[in-house]
Amino acid sequence: MLVTAGILLFVATATIAQVLPEAAPQLGHYFADVSFYQAAIPTYYGGIMTFAWATDNEALRSLSTEIIAARFHTAALTCRYYNPAIHTAAFALPQYLHDALSAQ
């Protein structure tokens, strides 16, 4: 069971462009905010893996880079890769996924 402010994340599929138009409305039936994001996974066949994001807390996905930067600064973390801009950009989708979503 998902808590009230929880986030459901899962690997969506390898052929996401075909499944996305069906998956988004199905998840949307249960969650207020549904989206997808991708990550480069070098050991995964094809290299790109798509994940689904679903939550009832619509504010979670709308955090500005400035808020994330303030939290990052407060945490006083030293990272070689991660920074607030990378965090924000990680949720940008390529055009073919935007096209698949708009086809629904």
C-alpha atoms as a PDB file:
ATOM      1  CA  MET A   1       0.000   0.000   0.000  1.00  0.00           C
ATOM      2  CA  LEU A   2       1.254   3.460  -0.921  1.00  0.00           C
ATOM      3  CA  VAL A   3       1.241   6.108   1.785  1.00  0.00           C
ATOM      4  CA  THR A   4      -0.647   9.349   1.140  1.00  0.00           C
ATOM      5  CA  ALA A   5       2.412  11.377   0.073  1.00  0.00           C
ATOM      6  CA  GLY A   6       4.219   8.400  -1.450  1.00  0.00           C
ATOM      7  CA  ILE A   7       5.645   7.916  -4.905  1.00  0.00           C
ATOM      8  CA  LEU A   8       5.286   4.781  -7.012  1.00  0.00           C
ATOM      9  CA  LEU A   9       8.322   4.228  -9.257  1.00  0.00           C
ATOM     10  CA  PHE A  10       8.868   1.230 -11.489  1.00  0.00           C
ATOM     11  CA  VAL A  11      10.557   0.114 -14.686  1.00  0.00           C
ATOM     12  CA  ALA A  12       7.959   0.673 -17.352  1.00  0.00           C
ATOM     13  CA  THR A  13       9.140  -1.338 -20.376  1.00  0.00           C
ATOM     14  CA  ALA A  14      11.734  -1.621 -23.108  1.00  0.00           C
ATOM     15  CA  THR A  15       9.194  -0.692 -25.795  1.00  0.00           C
ATOM     16  CA  ILE A  16       7.818   2.257 -23.900  1.00  0.00           C
ATOM     17  CA  ALA A  17       6.713   4.269 -26.935  1.00  0.00           C
ATOM     18  CA  GLN A  18       4.191   1.524 -27.754  1.00  0.00           C
ATOM     19  CA  VAL A  19       3.011   1.032 -24.156  1.00  0.00           C
ATOM     20  CA  LEU A  20       3.099   4.614 -22.889  1.00  0.00           C
ATOM     21  CA  PRO A  21      -0.236   5.716 -24.400  1.00  0.00           C
ATOM     22  CA  GLU A  22      -1.924   2.841 -22.536  1.00  0.00           C
ATOM     23  CA  ALA A  23       0.071   3.004 -19.298  1.00  0.00           C
ATOM     24  CA  ALA A  24      -0.438   6.727 -18.620  1.00  0.00           C
ATOM     25  CA  PRO A  25      -4.262   6.664 -18.484  1.00  0.00           C
ATOM     26  CA  GLN A  26      -4.277   3.389 -16.545  1.00  0.00           C
ATOM     27  CA  LEU A  27      -2.001   4.873 -13.875  1.00  0.00           C
ATOM     28  CA  GLY A  28      -3.932   8.150 -14.067  1.00  0.00           C
ATOM     29  CA  HIS A  29      -7.031   6.294 -12.933  1.00  0.00           C
ATOM     30  CA  TYR A  30      -5.344   5.689  -9.557  1.00  0.00           C
ATOM     31  CA  PHE A  31      -2.912   8.631  -9.188  1.00  0.00           C
ATOM     32  CA  ALA A  32      -3.221  12.409  -9.566  1.00  0.00           C
ATOM     33  CA  ASP A  33       0.238  12.842 -11.136  1.00  0.00           C
ATOM     34  CA  VAL A  34       1.682  10.387 -13.660  1.00  0.00           C
ATOM     35  CA  SER A  35       4.855  10.845 -15.642  1.00  0.00           C
ATOM     36  CA  PHE A  36       7.848   8.989 -16.989  1.00  0.00           C
ATOM     37  CA  TYR A  37      11.596   9.465 -17.002  1.00  0.00           C
ATOM     38  CA  GLN A  38      14.573   7.715 -18.537  1.00  0.00           C
ATOM     39  CA  ALA A  39      18.067   6.746 -17.460  1.00  0.00           C
ATOM     40  CA  ALA A  40      21.078   5.459 -19.332  1.00  0.00           C
ATOM     41  CA  ILE A  41      21.789   1.950 -18.075  1.00  0.00           C
ATOM     42  CA  PRO A  42      24.929   0.703 -19.882  1.00  0.00           C
ATOM     43  CA  THR A  43      24.316  -2.937 -18.915  1.00  0.00           C
ATOM     44  CA  TYR A  44      20.736  -2.864 -20.234  1.00  0.00           C
ATOM     45  CA  TYR A  45      20.194  -3.976 -23.829  1.00  0.00           C
ATOM     46  CA  GLY A  46      19.658  -0.774 -25.763  1.00  0.00           C
ATOM     47  CA  GLY A  47      21.128   1.384 -22.994  1.00  0.00           C
ATOM     48  CA  ILE A  48      18.001   3.411 -22.155  1.00  0.00           C
ATOM     49  CA  MET A  49      15.525   2.285 -19.526  1.00  0.00           C
ATOM     50  CA  THR A  50      12.210   4.066 -18.966  1.00  0.00           C
ATOM     51  CA  PHE A  51      10.591   4.369 -15.552  1.00  0.00           C
ATOM     52  CA  ALA A  52       7.080   5.332 -14.513  1.00  0.00           C
ATOM     53  CA  TRP A  53       6.346   7.880 -11.776  1.00  0.00           C
ATOM     54  CA  ALA A  54       2.974   8.075 -10.069  1.00  0.00           C
ATOM     55  CA  THR A  55       1.839   9.943  -6.951  1.00  0.00           C
ATOM     56  CA  ASP A  56      -1.107  11.789  -5.468  1.00  0.00           C
ATOM     57  CA  ASN A  57       1.166  14.651  -4.400  1.00  0.00           C
ATOM     58  CA  GLU A  58       1.338  16.779  -7.544  1.00  0.00           C
ATOM     59  CA  ALA A  59       3.715  19.271  -5.887  1.00  0.00           C
ATOM     60  CA  LEU A  60       6.585  16.765  -5.785  1.00  0.00           C
ATOM     61  CA  ARG A  61       7.339  16.982  -9.505  1.00  0.00           C
ATOM     62  CA  SER A  62       7.103  20.746  -9.619  1.00  0.00           C
ATOM     63  CA  LEU A  63       9.984  21.596  -7.274  1.00  0.00           C
ATOM     64  CA  SER A  64      12.108  24.306  -8.830  1.00  0.00           C
ATOM     65  CA  THR A  65      15.825  23.932  -9.391  1.00  0.00           C
ATOM     66  CA  GLU A  66      16.270  26.729  -6.837  1.00  0.00           C
ATOM     67  CA  ILE A  67      14.469  24.754  -4.101  1.00  0.00           C
ATOM     68  CA  ILE A  68      16.462  21.637  -4.949  1.00  0.00           C
ATOM     69  CA  ALA A  69      19.671  23.742  -4.895  1.00  0.00           C
ATOM     70  CA  ALA A  70      18.811  25.131  -1.452  1.00  0.00           C
ATOM     71  CA  ARG A  71      18.199  21.630  -0.101  1.00  0.00           C
ATOM     72  CA  PHE A  72      21.401  20.383  -1.699  1.00  0.00           C
ATOM     73  CA  HIS A  73      23.361  23.260  -0.149  1.00  0.00           C
ATOM     74  CA  THR A  74      21.821  22.584   3.287  1.00  0.00           C
ATOM     75  CA  ALA A  75      22.765  18.901   3.025  1.00  0.00           C
ATOM     76  CA  ALA A  76      26.404  19.942   2.428  1.00  0.00           C
ATOM     77  CA  LEU A  77      27.006  17.043   0.077  1.00  0.00           C
ATOM     78  CA  THR A  78      30.053  16.751  -2.147  1.00  0.00           C
ATOM     79  CA  CYS A  79      29.243  14.912  -5.363  1.00  0.00           C
ATOM     80  CA  ARG A  80      31.231  14.245  -8.521  1.00  0.00           C
ATOM     81  CA  TYR A  81      28.180  13.853 -10.766  1.00  0.00           C
ATOM     82  CA  TYR A  82      24.988  14.988  -9.069  1.00  0.00           C
ATOM     83  CA  ASN A  83      23.941  18.621  -8.810  1.00  0.00           C
ATOM     84  CA  PRO A  84      20.532  20.357  -8.749  1.00  0.00           C
ATOM     85  CA  ALA A  85      20.552  21.045 -12.501  1.00  0.00           C
ATOM     86  CA  ILE A  86      21.214  17.351 -13.238  1.00  0.00           C
ATOM     87  CA  HIS A  87      18.329  16.471 -10.917  1.00  0.00           C
ATOM     88  CA  THR A  88      15.923  18.751 -12.788  1.00  0.00           C
ATOM     89  CA  ALA A  89      17.138  17.646 -16.220  1.00  0.00           C
ATOM     90  CA  ALA A  90      16.796  13.962 -15.315  1.00  0.00           C
ATOM     91  CA  PHE A  91      13.032  14.280 -15.723  1.00  0.00           C
ATOM     92  CA  ALA A  92      13.122  15.813 -19.213  1.00  0.00           C
ATOM     93  CA  LEU A  93      11.716  13.448 -21.836  1.00  0.00           C
ATOM     94  CA  PRO A  94      12.927  12.980 -25.415  1.00  0.00           C
ATOM     95  CA  GLN A  95      10.593  14.065 -28.201  1.00  0.00           C
ATOM     96  CA  TYR A  96       9.462  10.549 -29.160  1.00  0.00           C
ATOM     97  CA  LEU A  97       8.054  10.063 -25.642  1.00  0.00           C
ATOM     98  CA  HIS A  98       6.314  13.457 -25.758  1.00  0.00           C
ATOM     99  CA  ASP A  99       4.790  12.363 -29.078  1.00  0.00           C
ATOM    100  CA  ALA A 100       3.660   9.046 -27.591  1.00  0.00           C
ATOM    101  CA  LEU A 101       2.070  10.803 -24.615  1.00  0.00           C
ATOM    102  CA  SER A 102       0.275  13.356 -26.788  1.00  0.00           C
ATOM    103  CA  ALA A 103      -1.157  10.513 -28.907  1.00  0.00           C
ATOM    104  CA  GLN A 104      -3.315   9.307 -26.030  1.00  0.00           C
END
